[in-house]
Amino acid sequence: MDNDELVRLALRARERAYAPYSNIKVGACLLAAKGRVFTGCNVENASYGLTACAERVALWKAISEGESDFVRMI
C-alpha cells in the first residue's frame, strides 16, 4: 500500500475523532508487516491525562488483533 492511500485512510479516520475540548482532530494509519491496515483517531477526555492520541489508538487496535510487526505509520 502506498503512502497516498495511507494518508487517505488517516484523513478518513480523523473525521471520527472526538475532540470537544481542543477542537483538534487527528487521524492515523498504521501498516503492519503482513499488509493489514489499522486506523485510529484521537479521543479526548475532560481529564486530559486520559486523552488518547490517534497513533496510540491505531497501535492498540493492531496489537489487540495480534499484530506486532509494523512497517509504517502516517
PDB file of N, CA and C in Angstrom:
ATOM      1  N   MET A   1       0.855  -1.178   0.000  1.00  0.00           N
ATOM      2  CA  MET A   1       0.000   0.000   0.000  1.00  0.00           C
ATOM      3  C   MET A   1       0.896   1.234   0.000  1.00  0.00           C
ATOM      4  N   ASP A   2       0.578   2.192  -0.858  1.00  0.00           N
ATOM      5  CA  ASP A   2       1.429   3.378  -0.955  1.00  0.00           C
ATOM      6  C   ASP A   2       1.031   4.445   0.064  1.00  0.00           C
ATOM      7  N   ASN A   3       1.918   5.430   0.221  1.00  0.00           N
ATOM      8  CA  ASN A   3       1.691   6.488   1.208  1.00  0.00           C
ATOM      9  C   ASN A   3       0.417   7.275   0.945  1.00  0.00           C
ATOM     10  N   ASP A   4       0.080   7.513  -0.323  1.00  0.00           N
ATOM     11  CA  ASP A   4      -1.128   8.278  -0.640  1.00  0.00           C
ATOM     12  C   ASP A   4      -2.375   7.593  -0.091  1.00  0.00           C
ATOM     13  N   GLU A   5      -2.432   6.285  -0.220  1.00  0.00           N
ATOM     14  CA  GLU A   5      -3.585   5.542   0.292  1.00  0.00           C
ATOM     15  C   GLU A   5      -3.612   5.572   1.819  1.00  0.00           C
ATOM     16  N   LEU A   6      -2.460   5.452   2.454  1.00  0.00           N
ATOM     17  CA  LEU A   6      -2.406   5.519   3.917  1.00  0.00           C
ATOM     18  C   LEU A   6      -2.846   6.897   4.413  1.00  0.00           C
ATOM     19  N   VAL A   7      -2.436   7.939   3.717  1.00  0.00           N
ATOM     20  CA  VAL A   7      -2.856   9.299   4.086  1.00  0.00           C
ATOM     21  C   VAL A   7      -4.365   9.434   3.932  1.00  0.00           C
ATOM     22  N   ARG A   8      -4.910   8.911   2.844  1.00  0.00           N
ATOM     23  CA  ARG A   8      -6.360   8.983   2.629  1.00  0.00           C
ATOM     24  C   ARG A   8      -7.105   8.295   3.776  1.00  0.00           C
ATOM     25  N   LEU A   9      -6.624   7.145   4.211  1.00  0.00           N
ATOM     26  CA  LEU A   9      -7.267   6.420   5.308  1.00  0.00           C
ATOM     27  C   LEU A   9      -7.126   7.170   6.634  1.00  0.00           C
ATOM     28  N   ALA A  10      -5.979   7.799   6.857  1.00  0.00           N
ATOM     29  CA  ALA A  10      -5.783   8.584   8.075  1.00  0.00           C
ATOM     30  C   ALA A  10      -6.718   9.790   8.099  1.00  0.00           C
ATOM     31  N   LEU A  11      -6.906  10.421   6.950  1.00  0.00           N
ATOM     32  CA  LEU A  11      -7.826  11.563   6.876  1.00  0.00           C
ATOM     33  C   LEU A  11      -9.260  11.125   7.140  1.00  0.00           C
ATOM     34  N   ARG A  12      -9.620   9.956   6.654  1.00  0.00           N
ATOM     35  CA  ARG A  12     -10.964   9.437   6.922  1.00  0.00           C
ATOM     36  C   ARG A  12     -11.125   9.143   8.422  1.00  0.00           C
ATOM     37  N   ALA A  13     -10.096   8.578   9.036  1.00  0.00           N
ATOM     38  CA  ALA A  13     -10.144   8.291  10.472  1.00  0.00           C
ATOM     39  C   ALA A  13     -10.283   9.583  11.273  1.00  0.00           C
ATOM     40  N   ARG A  14      -9.632  10.637  10.813  1.00  0.00           N
ATOM     41  CA  ARG A  14      -9.701  11.930  11.503  1.00  0.00           C
ATOM     42  C   ARG A  14     -11.140  12.420  11.633  1.00  0.00           C
ATOM     43  N   GLU A  15     -11.981  12.100  10.670  1.00  0.00           N
ATOM     44  CA  GLU A  15     -13.385  12.525  10.709  1.00  0.00           C
ATOM     45  C   GLU A  15     -14.130  11.933  11.908  1.00  0.00           C
ATOM     46  N   ARG A  16     -13.633  10.834  12.461  1.00  0.00           N
ATOM     47  CA  ARG A  16     -14.295  10.175  13.587  1.00  0.00           C
ATOM     48  C   ARG A  16     -13.734  10.604  14.942  1.00  0.00           C
ATOM     49  N   ALA A  17     -12.780  11.526  14.936  1.00  0.00           N
ATOM     50  CA  ALA A  17     -12.148  11.967  16.179  1.00  0.00           C
ATOM     51  C   ALA A  17     -13.170  12.607  17.117  1.00  0.00           C
ATOM     52  N   TYR A  18     -12.907  12.455  18.410  1.00  0.00           N
ATOM     53  CA  TYR A  18     -13.737  13.083  19.440  1.00  0.00           C
ATOM     54  C   TYR A  18     -12.844  14.102  20.147  1.00  0.00           C
ATOM     55  N   ALA A  19     -13.006  15.364  19.785  1.00  0.00           N
ATOM     56  CA  ALA A  19     -12.132  16.415  20.306  1.00  0.00           C
ATOM     57  C   ALA A  19     -12.929  17.656  20.701  1.00  0.00           C
ATOM     58  N   PRO A  20     -13.845  17.523  21.682  1.00  0.00           N
ATOM     59  CA  PRO A  20     -14.686  18.663  22.045  1.00  0.00           C
ATOM     60  C   PRO A  20     -13.958  19.757  22.827  1.00  0.00           C
ATOM     61  N   TYR A  21     -12.771  19.469  23.345  1.00  0.00           N
ATOM     62  CA  TYR A  21     -12.067  20.441  24.174  1.00  0.00           C
ATOM     63  C   TYR A  21     -11.054  21.246  23.364  1.00  0.00           C
ATOM     64  N   SER A  22     -10.275  20.591  22.551  1.00  0.00           N
ATOM     65  CA  SER A  22      -9.257  21.298  21.759  1.00  0.00           C
ATOM     66  C   SER A  22      -9.749  21.633  20.355  1.00  0.00           C
ATOM     67  N   ASN A  23     -10.763  20.908  19.891  1.00  0.00           N
ATOM     68  CA  ASN A  23     -11.237  21.014  18.506  1.00  0.00           C
ATOM     69  C   ASN A  23     -10.137  20.690  17.492  1.00  0.00           C
ATOM     70  N   ILE A  24      -9.134  19.948  17.927  1.00  0.00           N
ATOM     71  CA  ILE A  24      -8.068  19.494  17.028  1.00  0.00           C
ATOM     72  C   ILE A  24      -8.285  18.008  16.779  1.00  0.00           C
ATOM     73  N   LYS A  25      -8.670  17.685  15.556  1.00  0.00           N
ATOM     74  CA  LYS A  25      -8.956  16.298  15.200  1.00  0.00           C
ATOM     75  C   LYS A  25      -7.762  15.704  14.467  1.00  0.00           C
ATOM     76  N   VAL A  26      -7.396  14.494  14.878  1.00  0.00           N
ATOM     77  CA  VAL A  26      -6.228  13.822  14.318  1.00  0.00           C
ATOM     78  C   VAL A  26      -6.607  12.405  13.914  1.00  0.00           C
ATOM     79  N   GLY A  27      -6.067  11.969  12.798  1.00  0.00           N
ATOM     80  CA  GLY A  27      -6.234  10.590  12.353  1.00  0.00           C
ATOM     81  C   GLY A  27      -4.873   9.981  12.097  1.00  0.00           C
ATOM     82  N   ALA A  28      -4.778   8.670  12.228  1.00  0.00           N
ATOM     83  CA  ALA A  28      -3.526   7.958  11.974  1.00  0.00           C
ATOM     84  C   ALA A  28      -3.830   6.665  11.246  1.00  0.00           C
ATOM     85  N   CYS A  29      -2.827   6.173  10.545  1.00  0.00           N
ATOM     86  CA  CYS A  29      -2.960   4.912   9.821  1.00  0.00           C
ATOM     87  C   CYS A  29      -1.672   4.122  10.019  1.00  0.00           C
ATOM     88  N   LEU A  30      -1.802   2.870  10.427  1.00  0.00           N
ATOM     89  CA  LEU A  30      -0.664   2.006  10.722  1.00  0.00           C
ATOM     90  C   LEU A  30      -0.675   0.815   9.774  1.00  0.00           C
ATOM     91  N   LEU A  31       0.437   0.591   9.098  1.00  0.00           N
ATOM     92  CA  LEU A  31       0.577  -0.533   8.175  1.00  0.00           C
ATOM     93  C   LEU A  31       1.401  -1.622   8.846  1.00  0.00           C
ATOM     94  N   ALA A  32       0.812  -2.798   8.994  1.00  0.00           N
ATOM     95  CA  ALA A  32       1.514  -3.936   9.583  1.00  0.00           C
ATOM     96  C   ALA A  32       2.328  -4.649   8.509  1.00  0.00           C
ATOM     97  N   ALA A  33       3.333  -5.383   8.937  1.00  0.00           N
ATOM     98  CA  ALA A  33       4.217  -6.089   8.005  1.00  0.00           C
ATOM     99  C   ALA A  33       3.457  -7.086   7.137  1.00  0.00           C
ATOM    100  N   LYS A  34       2.378  -7.645   7.667  1.00  0.00           N
ATOM    101  CA  LYS A  34       1.582  -8.616   6.910  1.00  0.00           C
ATOM    102  C   LYS A  34       0.615  -7.949   5.936  1.00  0.00           C
ATOM    103  N   GLY A  35       0.618  -6.604   5.895  1.00  0.00           N
ATOM    104  CA  GLY A  35      -0.233  -5.879   4.961  1.00  0.00           C
ATOM    105  C   GLY A  35      -1.538  -5.378   5.534  1.00  0.00           C
ATOM    106  N   ARG A  36      -1.845  -5.744   6.762  1.00  0.00           N
ATOM    107  CA  ARG A  36      -3.082  -5.246   7.378  1.00  0.00           C
ATOM    108  C   ARG A  36      -2.913  -3.781   7.749  1.00  0.00           C
ATOM    109  N   VAL A  37      -4.010  -3.052   7.697  1.00  0.00           N
ATOM    110  CA  VAL A  37      -4.004  -1.621   7.978  1.00  0.00           C
ATOM    111  C   VAL A  37      -4.930  -1.346   9.153  1.00  0.00           C
ATOM    112  N   PHE A  38      -4.461  -0.502  10.065  1.00  0.00           N
ATOM    113  CA  PHE A  38      -5.241  -0.130  11.242  1.00  0.00           C
ATOM    114  C   PHE A  38      -5.292   1.385  11.330  1.00  0.00           C
ATOM    115  N   THR A  39      -6.482   1.918  11.543  1.00  0.00           N
ATOM    116  CA  THR A  39      -6.631   3.364  11.673  1.00  0.00           C
ATOM    117  C   THR A  39      -7.008   3.707  13.101  1.00  0.00           C
ATOM    118  N   GLY A  40      -6.776   4.962  13.455  1.00  0.00           N
ATOM    119  CA  GLY A  40      -7.154   5.449  14.773  1.00  0.00           C
ATOM    120  C   GLY A  40      -7.406   6.937  14.720  1.00  0.00           C
ATOM    121  N   CYS A  41      -8.147   7.421  15.691  1.00  0.00           N
ATOM    122  CA  CYS A  41      -8.402   8.854  15.816  1.00  0.00           C
ATOM    123  C   CYS A  41      -8.202   9.247  17.274  1.00  0.00           C
ATOM    124  N   ASN A  42      -7.958  10.529  17.500  1.00  0.00           N
ATOM    125  CA  ASN A  42      -7.794  10.961  18.878  1.00  0.00           C
ATOM    126  C   ASN A  42      -9.148  10.975  19.585  1.00  0.00           C
ATOM    127  N   VAL A  43      -9.094  10.675  20.881  1.00  0.00           N
ATOM    128  CA  VAL A  43     -10.290  10.642  21.721  1.00  0.00           C
ATOM    129  C   VAL A  43      -9.957  11.429  22.983  1.00  0.00           C
ATOM    130  N   GLU A  44     -10.566  12.606  23.113  1.00  0.00           N
ATOM    131  CA  GLU A  44     -10.288  13.462  24.265  1.00  0.00           C
ATOM    132  C   GLU A  44     -11.183  13.119  25.446  1.00  0.00           C
ATOM    133  N   ASN A  45     -10.691  13.500  26.613  1.00  0.00           N
ATOM    134  CA  ASN A  45     -11.423  13.309  27.850  1.00  0.00           C
ATOM    135  C   ASN A  45     -11.286  14.592  28.655  1.00  0.00           C
ATOM    136  N   ALA A  46     -12.285  14.903  29.465  1.00  0.00           N
ATOM    137  CA  ALA A  46     -12.215  16.102  30.304  1.00  0.00           C
ATOM    138  C   ALA A  46     -10.989  16.044  31.214  1.00  0.00           C
ATOM    139  N   SER A  47     -10.600  14.838  31.600  1.00  0.00           N
ATOM    140  CA  SER A  47      -9.350  14.635  32.320  1.00  0.00           C
ATOM    141  C   SER A  47      -8.276  14.410  31.260  1.00  0.00           C
ATOM    142  N   TYR A  48      -7.510  15.446  30.953  1.00  0.00           N
ATOM    143  CA  TYR A  48      -6.594  15.387  29.810  1.00  0.00           C
ATOM    144  C   TYR A  48      -5.642  14.198  29.848  1.00  0.00           C
ATOM    145  N   GLY A  49      -5.309  13.714  31.040  1.00  0.00           N
ATOM    146  CA  GLY A  49      -4.426  12.564  31.150  1.00  0.00           C
ATOM    147  C   GLY A  49      -5.012  11.295  30.562  1.00  0.00           C
ATOM    148  N   LEU A  50      -6.321  11.254  30.398  1.00  0.00           N
ATOM    149  CA  LEU A  50      -6.981  10.080  29.825  1.00  0.00           C
ATOM    150  C   LEU A  50      -7.202  10.211  28.323  1.00  0.00           C
ATOM    151  N   THR A  51      -6.781  11.315  27.742  1.00  0.00           N
ATOM    152  CA  THR A  51      -6.917  11.509  26.299  1.00  0.00           C
ATOM    153  C   THR A  51      -6.000  10.538  25.564  1.00  0.00           C
ATOM    154  N   ALA A  52      -6.507   9.961  24.474  1.00  0.00           N
ATOM    155  CA  ALA A  52      -5.719   9.027  23.664  1.00  0.00           C
ATOM    156  C   ALA A  52      -5.447   9.656  22.302  1.00  0.00           C
ATOM    157  N   CYS A  53      -4.185   9.652  21.904  1.00  0.00           N
ATOM    158  CA  CYS A  53      -3.839  10.200  20.589  1.00  0.00           C
ATOM    159  C   CYS A  53      -4.153   9.173  19.504  1.00  0.00           C
ATOM    160  N   ALA A  54      -4.293   9.639  18.291  1.00  0.00           N
ATOM    161  CA  ALA A  54      -4.669   8.787  17.159  1.00  0.00           C
ATOM    162  C   ALA A  54      -3.665   7.663  16.929  1.00  0.00           C
ATOM    163  N   GLU A  55      -2.390   7.968  17.082  1.00  0.00           N
ATOM    164  CA  GLU A  55      -1.354   6.965  16.842  1.00  0.00           C
ATOM    165  C   GLU A  55      -1.459   5.813  17.840  1.00  0.00           C
ATOM    166  N   ARG A  56      -1.700   6.142  19.097  1.00  0.00           N
ATOM    167  CA  ARG A  56      -1.848   5.086  20.108  1.00  0.00           C
ATOM    168  C   ARG A  56      -3.085   4.243  19.840  1.00  0.00           C
ATOM    169  N   VAL A  57      -4.168   4.879  19.451  1.00  0.00           N
ATOM    170  CA  VAL A  57      -5.398   4.136  19.166  1.00  0.00           C
ATOM    171  C   VAL A  57      -5.160   3.132  18.041  1.00  0.00           C
ATOM    172  N   ALA A  58      -4.497   3.565  16.968  1.00  0.00           N
ATOM    173  CA  ALA A  58      -4.202   2.651  15.857  1.00  0.00           C
ATOM    174  C   ALA A  58      -3.303   1.507  16.326  1.00  0.00           C
ATOM    175  N   LEU A  59      -2.291   1.827  17.121  1.00  0.00           N
ATOM    176  CA  LEU A  59      -1.376   0.805  17.628  1.00  0.00           C
ATOM    177  C   LEU A  59      -2.093  -0.174  18.547  1.00  0.00           C
ATOM    178  N   TRP A  60      -2.928   0.334  19.443  1.00  0.00           N
ATOM    179  CA  TRP A  60      -3.669  -0.545  20.362  1.00  0.00           C
ATOM    180  C   TRP A  60      -4.599  -1.473  19.593  1.00  0.00           C
ATOM    181  N   LYS A  61      -5.249  -0.935  18.564  1.00  0.00           N
ATOM    182  CA  LYS A  61      -6.125  -1.785  17.737  1.00  0.00           C
ATOM    183  C   LYS A  61      -5.329  -2.917  17.109  1.00  0.00           C
ATOM    184  N   ALA A  62      -4.173  -2.579  16.550  1.00  0.00           N
ATOM    185  CA  ALA A  62      -3.354  -3.591  15.879  1.00  0.00           C
ATOM    186  C   ALA A  62      -2.876  -4.659  16.861  1.00  0.00           C
ATOM    187  N   ILE A  63      -2.377  -4.230  17.997  1.00  0.00           N
ATOM    188  CA  ILE A  63      -1.880  -5.184  18.988  1.00  0.00           C
ATOM    189  C   ILE A  63      -3.010  -6.055  19.514  1.00  0.00           C
ATOM    190  N   SER A  64      -4.190  -5.461  19.726  1.00  0.00           N
ATOM    191  CA  SER A  64      -5.325  -6.238  20.237  1.00  0.00           C
ATOM    192  C   SER A  64      -5.805  -7.276  19.233  1.00  0.00           C
ATOM    193  N   GLU A  65      -5.416  -7.109  17.959  1.00  0.00           N
ATOM    194  CA  GLU A  65      -5.783  -8.076  16.919  1.00  0.00           C
ATOM    195  C   GLU A  65      -4.610  -8.969  16.530  1.00  0.00           C
ATOM    196  N   GLY A  66      -3.562  -8.972  17.367  1.00  0.00           N
ATOM    197  CA  GLY A  66      -2.475  -9.919  17.192  1.00  0.00           C
ATOM    198  C   GLY A  66      -1.290  -9.471  16.368  1.00  0.00           C
ATOM    199  N   GLU A  67      -1.268  -8.236  15.914  1.00  0.00           N
ATOM    200  CA  GLU A  67      -0.137  -7.743  15.118  1.00  0.00           C
ATOM    201  C   GLU A  67       0.952  -7.192  16.041  1.00  0.00           C
ATOM    202  N   SER A  68       2.195  -7.386  15.653  1.00  0.00           N
ATOM    203  CA  SER A  68       3.296  -6.845  16.456  1.00  0.00           C
ATOM    204  C   SER A  68       4.483  -6.384  15.608  1.00  0.00           C
ATOM    205  N   ASP A  69       4.371  -6.511  14.302  1.00  0.00           N
ATOM    206  CA  ASP A  69       5.445  -6.104  13.398  1.00  0.00           C
ATOM    207  C   ASP A  69       4.877  -5.071  12.428  1.00  0.00           C
ATOM    208  N   PHE A  70       5.465  -3.873  12.428  1.00  0.00           N
ATOM    209  CA  PHE A  70       4.892  -2.774  11.668  1.00  0.00           C
ATOM    210  C   PHE A  70       5.890  -2.173  10.692  1.00  0.00           C
ATOM    211  N   VAL A  71       5.357  -1.638   9.604  1.00  0.00           N
ATOM    212  CA  VAL A  71       6.173  -1.081   8.533  1.00  0.00           C
ATOM    213  C   VAL A  71       6.162   0.441   8.552  1.00  0.00           C
ATOM    214  N   ARG A  72       4.987   1.031   8.735  1.00  0.00           N
ATOM    215  CA  ARG A  72       4.856   2.477   8.570  1.00  0.00           C
ATOM    216  C   ARG A  72       3.632   2.996   9.316  1.00  0.00           C
ATOM    217  N   MET A  73       3.765   4.232   9.831  1.00  0.00           N
ATOM    218  CA  MET A  73       2.612   4.917  10.412  1.00  0.00           C
ATOM    219  C   MET A  73       2.533   6.303   9.816  1.00  0.00           C
ATOM    220  N   ILE A  74       1.310   6.677   9.433  1.00  0.00           N
ATOM    221  CA  ILE A  74       1.045   8.010   8.881  1.00  0.00           C
ATOM    222  C   ILE A  74       0.149   8.731   9.870  1.00  0.00           C
TER     223      ILE A  74
END
